[in-house]
Amino acid sequence: MSTTSKSNIATSALSKAVVYFIDGNSRKRYSRDMARGIPKQSVGIARLKKMIEGWHDNVQMAIIYDNRTDEELMRYKNGTWT
């Protein structure tokens, strides 16, 4: 993926997740919000949650933010969303 594509996703995404792994690494992932050609934040959040839950054994904590306001939307820790 080119740098232009990455920055385009980062600016167009409605949500983002910061994932902290047990091994000390962290990653930032941006939502893919399109559903039938219409951007929907709920779709992007559901996809981020599914991805994080798939990594559950390796995740120490994950936080999903609104990518436009940086407001924290939800947090994943010990296998539970709050």
Protein backbone atom coordinates (compact mmCIF):
# COMPACT_ATOMS: atom_id res chain seq x y z
CA MET A 1 0.00 0.00 0.00
CA SER A 2 1.41 3.37 -0.93
CA THR A 3 1.91 6.25 1.48
CA THR A 4 -0.80 8.21 -0.33
CA SER A 5 -3.30 5.38 0.22
CA LYS A 6 -2.42 5.12 3.90
CA SER A 7 -2.82 8.84 4.52
CA ASN A 8 -6.08 8.85 2.54
CA ILE A 9 -7.49 6.09 4.75
CA ALA A 10 -6.27 7.88 7.88
CA THR A 11 -8.04 11.10 6.91
CA SER A 12 -11.25 9.57 5.57
CA ALA A 13 -11.82 7.00 8.35
CA LEU A 14 -14.55 7.85 10.83
CA SER A 15 -12.94 5.82 13.64
CA LYS A 16 -9.52 4.56 14.66
CA ALA A 17 -8.25 1.97 17.11
CA VAL A 18 -5.04 2.03 19.06
CA VAL A 19 -4.12 -1.51 20.07
CA TYR A 20 -1.58 -2.27 22.80
CA PHE A 21 -0.21 -5.79 22.67
CA ILE A 22 1.06 -7.96 25.53
CA ASP A 23 4.56 -8.01 23.98
CA GLY A 24 4.81 -4.20 24.35
CA ASN A 25 4.12 -3.27 20.73
CA SER A 26 1.25 -1.05 19.67
CA ARG A 27 -0.57 -0.47 16.40
CA LYS A 28 -2.99 2.10 15.07
CA ARG A 29 -5.71 0.88 12.73
CA TYR A 30 -8.29 2.95 10.88
CA SER A 31 -11.87 1.92 10.22
CA ARG A 32 -13.28 0.99 6.86
CA ASP A 33 -16.71 2.53 7.07
CA MET A 34 -18.29 1.99 3.67
CA ALA A 35 -21.51 -0.02 3.48
CA ARG A 36 -23.20 -0.07 0.08
CA GLY A 37 -21.27 3.06 -0.88
CA ILE A 38 -22.36 5.05 2.19
CA PRO A 39 -19.94 5.76 5.05
CA LYS A 40 -21.34 4.53 8.39
CA GLN A 41 -19.35 4.81 11.59
CA SER A 42 -21.17 1.84 13.13
CA VAL A 43 -19.93 -0.42 10.30
CA GLY A 44 -16.34 0.72 10.79
CA ILE A 45 -16.50 0.26 14.56
CA ALA A 46 -17.97 -3.23 14.19
CA ARG A 47 -15.10 -4.17 11.86
CA LEU A 48 -12.47 -2.77 14.24
CA LYS A 49 -14.04 -4.66 17.17
CA LYS A 50 -14.06 -7.92 15.20
CA MET A 51 -10.39 -7.48 14.28
CA ILE A 52 -9.40 -6.74 17.90
CA GLU A 53 -11.44 -9.63 19.28
CA GLY A 54 -9.65 -11.92 16.83
CA TRP A 55 -6.34 -10.93 18.45
CA HIS A 56 -7.76 -11.25 22.00
CA ASP A 57 -4.99 -13.52 23.37
CA ASN A 58 -2.34 -10.99 22.34
CA VAL A 59 -4.11 -7.72 23.24
CA GLN A 60 -3.44 -6.02 26.54
CA MET A 61 -5.79 -3.12 25.77
CA ALA A 62 -7.41 -1.43 22.77
CA ILE A 63 -9.14 1.93 22.52
CA ILE A 64 -11.45 3.00 19.72
CA TYR A 65 -11.68 6.73 19.05
CA ASP A 66 -13.78 8.98 16.86
CA ASN A 67 -11.19 9.88 14.22
CA ARG A 68 -12.63 13.37 13.71
CA THR A 69 -12.75 14.50 17.36
CA ASP A 70 -10.32 12.07 19.08
CA GLU A 71 -13.08 11.33 21.61
CA GLU A 72 -12.74 7.88 23.17
CA LEU A 73 -15.70 5.72 22.16
CA MET A 74 -14.91 2.38 23.81
CA ARG A 75 -12.16 0.38 25.43
CA TYR A 76 -11.27 -3.34 25.29
CA LYS A 77 -9.49 -4.91 28.24
CA ASN A 78 -9.50 -8.43 29.68
CA GLY A 79 -11.79 -9.60 26.88
CA THR A 80 -14.52 -7.03 27.62
CA TRP A 81 -15.68 -3.82 25.92
CA THR A 82 -16.50 -0.85 28.10
